């Protein structure tokens, strides 16, 4: 089973590249952001809780996020693999994901980090905000999310690097060129 984490700050291109990878490798995409937005749009009790946290620019607690991920994996027992997008964001989450996948007799194959600088991120998200009007792309919340990534989330990378599972790809440039680089990494497995 091919399982990987597509890692990068908000606006790095994870969603765009995930869709291309899903199509090529027939993987199941699990985006915590998509899960959260789905629960929010359906106004589930969890969605209301997540909505309040996101509106304040906070991360959703691990136990909620992990339970949602486990539910998604369990919905797809015949999957060829999974792309985890937006998760893990902490070493504790990475350890919890490893334990869960181990219980399913699988593991993370590779972590691919999309490198994109802050100026490019700000430009991309401003453009995305015009097109989608995502609440989490509003300027004040966006800066909190980017800061959260560079202050906290990026520290997950050494966890995977210590396991020899980390690959970095330049996330700036032509979408198809970036995709080709991602495929080079994935095709090694």
Protein backbone atom coordinates (compact mmCIF):
# COMPACT_ATOMS: atom_id res chain seq x y z
CA UNK A 1 0.00 0.00 0.00
CA UNK A 2 1.30 3.44 -0.95
CA UNK A 3 0.63 5.98 1.80
CA UNK A 4 2.14 9.41 1.82
CA UNK A 5 1.87 12.78 3.42
CA UNK A 6 1.83 15.80 1.16
CA UNK A 7 3.28 18.50 3.36
CA UNK A 8 3.44 22.25 2.97
CA UNK A 9 2.08 25.55 4.22
CA UNK A 10 -1.33 26.93 3.25
CA UNK A 11 -1.20 27.81 -0.45
CA UNK A 12 1.72 25.50 -1.29
CA UNK A 13 -0.36 23.64 -3.88
CA UNK A 14 -1.21 20.54 -1.87
CA UNK A 15 -4.82 20.42 -3.11
CA UNK A 16 -3.89 20.97 -6.74
CA UNK A 17 -1.12 18.39 -6.72
CA UNK A 18 -3.11 15.90 -4.64
CA UNK A 19 -5.80 15.71 -7.31
CA UNK A 20 -3.23 14.99 -10.00
CA UNK A 21 -1.57 12.32 -7.82
CA UNK A 22 -4.94 10.72 -7.03
CA UNK A 23 -5.73 10.45 -10.73
CA UNK A 24 -2.34 8.95 -11.58
CA UNK A 25 -1.95 6.49 -8.70
CA UNK A 26 -5.64 5.77 -7.82
CA UNK A 27 -5.15 6.82 -4.20
CA UNK A 28 -7.67 8.08 -1.69
CA UNK A 29 -7.15 11.71 -0.73
CA UNK A 30 -7.71 12.53 2.92
CA UNK A 31 -7.56 16.25 3.55
CA UNK A 32 -8.22 17.37 7.08
CA UNK A 33 -9.30 20.73 5.68
CA UNK A 34 -11.86 19.04 3.41
CA UNK A 35 -13.09 16.88 6.29
CA UNK A 36 -13.47 19.93 8.49
CA UNK A 37 -15.27 21.92 5.76
CA UNK A 38 -17.62 18.96 5.11
CA UNK A 39 -18.56 18.70 8.77
CA UNK A 40 -18.95 22.49 8.99
CA UNK A 41 -21.20 22.64 5.91
CA UNK A 42 -23.38 19.85 7.30
CA UNK A 43 -23.52 21.63 10.66
CA UNK A 44 -22.71 18.42 12.52
CA UNK A 45 -21.89 18.80 16.21
CA UNK A 46 -18.27 18.21 15.29
CA UNK A 47 -18.57 20.74 12.47
CA UNK A 48 -19.82 23.43 14.85
CA UNK A 49 -16.92 22.76 17.19
CA UNK A 50 -14.40 22.79 14.34
CA UNK A 51 -15.95 25.96 12.91
CA UNK A 52 -15.42 27.86 16.14
CA UNK A 53 -11.79 26.74 16.36
CA UNK A 54 -10.98 27.56 12.73
CA UNK A 55 -12.74 30.92 12.95
CA UNK A 56 -10.34 31.76 15.77
CA UNK A 57 -7.34 30.53 13.74
CA UNK A 58 -6.70 27.60 16.08
CA UNK A 59 -5.80 24.03 15.21
CA UNK A 60 -8.42 21.36 15.79
CA UNK A 61 -7.48 19.11 18.75
CA UNK A 62 -5.65 15.90 17.85
CA UNK A 63 -8.29 13.51 19.12
CA UNK A 64 -10.95 15.02 16.83
CA UNK A 65 -8.69 15.09 13.80
CA UNK A 66 -7.37 11.57 14.32
CA UNK A 67 -10.86 10.15 14.83
CA UNK A 68 -11.98 11.74 11.55
CA UNK A 69 -8.94 10.35 9.69
CA UNK A 70 -9.45 6.87 11.08
CA UNK A 71 -13.09 6.98 9.99
CA UNK A 72 -12.04 7.94 6.44
CA UNK A 73 -9.41 5.19 6.21
CA UNK A 74 -11.89 2.62 7.52
CA UNK A 75 -14.41 3.68 4.83
CA UNK A 76 -11.93 2.55 2.14
CA UNK A 77 -10.68 -0.94 3.05
CA UNK A 78 -9.70 -1.82 -0.54
CA UNK A 79 -7.72 1.35 -1.22
CA UNK A 80 -4.36 1.16 -3.01
CA UNK A 81 -3.16 3.84 -0.61
CA UNK A 82 -3.83 7.25 0.85
CA UNK A 83 -2.58 10.80 0.48
CA UNK A 84 -2.72 12.60 3.82
CA UNK A 85 -3.03 16.33 3.20
CA UNK A 86 -2.84 18.77 6.10
CA UNK A 87 -2.02 16.07 8.61
CA UNK A 88 0.02 15.45 10.70
CA UNK A 89 0.75 18.92 12.03
CA UNK A 90 2.56 17.89 15.18
CA UNK A 91 4.95 15.11 16.12
CA UNK A 92 2.24 13.73 18.43
CA UNK A 93 -0.11 13.51 15.44
CA UNK A 94 2.60 11.84 13.34
CA UNK A 95 3.14 9.26 16.07
CA UNK A 96 -0.62 8.69 16.37
CA UNK A 97 -0.91 8.26 12.58
CA UNK A 98 1.97 5.77 12.62
CA UNK A 99 0.31 3.75 15.39
CA UNK A 100 -3.04 3.75 13.59
CA UNK A 101 -1.53 2.70 10.25
CA UNK A 102 0.53 0.01 11.98
CA UNK A 103 -2.72 -1.37 13.43
CA UNK A 104 -3.87 -1.68 9.79
CA UNK A 105 -0.59 -3.43 8.83
CA UNK A 106 0.64 -0.49 6.78
CA UNK A 107 2.74 2.66 7.24
CA UNK A 108 3.63 6.01 5.74
CA UNK A 109 5.73 5.31 2.65
CA UNK A 110 7.06 8.82 2.06
CA UNK A 111 6.51 12.40 3.17
CA UNK A 112 6.77 14.95 0.38
CA UNK A 113 7.29 18.54 1.45
CA UNK A 114 6.38 21.25 -1.04
CA UNK A 115 8.80 24.15 -0.50
CA UNK A 116 7.19 27.54 -1.16
CA UNK A 117 8.32 30.88 0.28
CA UNK A 118 5.99 33.22 2.18
CA UNK A 119 5.72 35.85 -0.57
CA UNK A 120 4.51 33.24 -3.06
CA UNK A 121 2.09 31.79 -0.49
CA UNK A 122 0.54 35.18 0.18
CA UNK A 123 0.13 35.83 -3.55
CA UNK A 124 -1.44 32.42 -4.22
CA UNK A 125 -3.87 32.61 -1.35
CA UNK A 126 -4.97 36.13 -2.25
CA UNK A 127 -5.80 34.79 -5.72
CA UNK A 128 -7.56 31.72 -4.28
CA UNK A 129 -9.59 33.97 -1.96
CA UNK A 130 -10.91 35.89 -4.98
CA UNK A 131 -12.02 32.64 -6.63
CA UNK A 132 -13.34 30.57 -3.71
CA UNK A 133 -14.03 33.01 -0.86
CA UNK A 134 -12.82 30.43 1.68
CA UNK A 135 -13.27 31.70 5.23
CA UNK A 136 -9.85 30.34 6.25
CA UNK A 137 -8.18 32.42 3.49
CA UNK A 138 -9.16 35.78 4.97
CA UNK A 139 -6.06 37.90 5.58
CA UNK A 140 -6.05 37.83 9.39
CA UNK A 141 -6.74 34.09 9.62
CA UNK A 142 -4.36 33.34 6.77
CA UNK A 143 -1.40 35.02 8.45
CA UNK A 144 -2.16 33.02 11.61
CA UNK A 145 -2.22 29.77 9.62
CA UNK A 146 1.03 30.54 7.81
CA UNK A 147 2.71 31.53 11.09
CA UNK A 148 1.39 28.34 12.70
CA UNK A 149 2.95 26.30 9.91
CA UNK A 150 6.36 27.95 10.10
CA UNK A 151 6.39 28.15 13.92
CA UNK A 152 5.03 24.71 14.75
CA UNK A 153 4.01 22.39 11.92
CA UNK A 154 7.30 22.46 10.04
CA UNK A 155 8.91 20.76 13.07
CA UNK A 156 7.22 17.50 12.04
CA UNK A 157 9.63 17.15 9.12
CA UNK A 158 12.63 16.03 11.23
CA UNK A 159 10.46 13.23 12.66
CA UNK A 160 10.08 11.77 9.17
CA UNK A 161 13.60 12.68 8.11
CA UNK A 162 14.90 10.53 11.01
CA UNK A 163 12.94 7.62 9.46
CA UNK A 164 14.42 8.35 5.99
CA UNK A 165 10.93 9.07 4.67
CA UNK A 166 11.27 12.77 3.80
CA UNK A 167 11.60 14.15 0.25
CA UNK A 168 11.47 17.85 -0.62
CA UNK A 169 10.10 19.24 -3.88
CA UNK A 170 10.26 22.86 -5.03
CA UNK A 171 6.62 24.00 -5.00
CA UNK A 172 7.22 27.10 -7.13
CA UNK A 173 6.91 26.90 -10.88
CA UNK A 174 4.72 25.32 -13.49
CA UNK A 175 2.08 22.99 -12.00
CA UNK A 176 2.93 20.19 -14.43
CA UNK A 177 6.67 20.49 -13.74
CA UNK A 178 6.04 20.27 -10.00
CA UNK A 179 3.80 17.26 -10.61
CA UNK A 180 6.55 15.55 -12.62
CA UNK A 181 8.95 16.03 -9.69
CA UNK A 182 6.36 14.60 -7.29
CA UNK A 183 5.90 11.56 -9.54
CA UNK A 184 9.66 11.00 -9.60
CA UNK A 185 9.56 10.74 -5.81
CA UNK A 186 6.47 8.50 -5.69
CA UNK A 187 7.74 6.22 -8.48
CA UNK A 188 10.73 5.27 -6.31
CA UNK A 189 8.32 3.23 -4.21
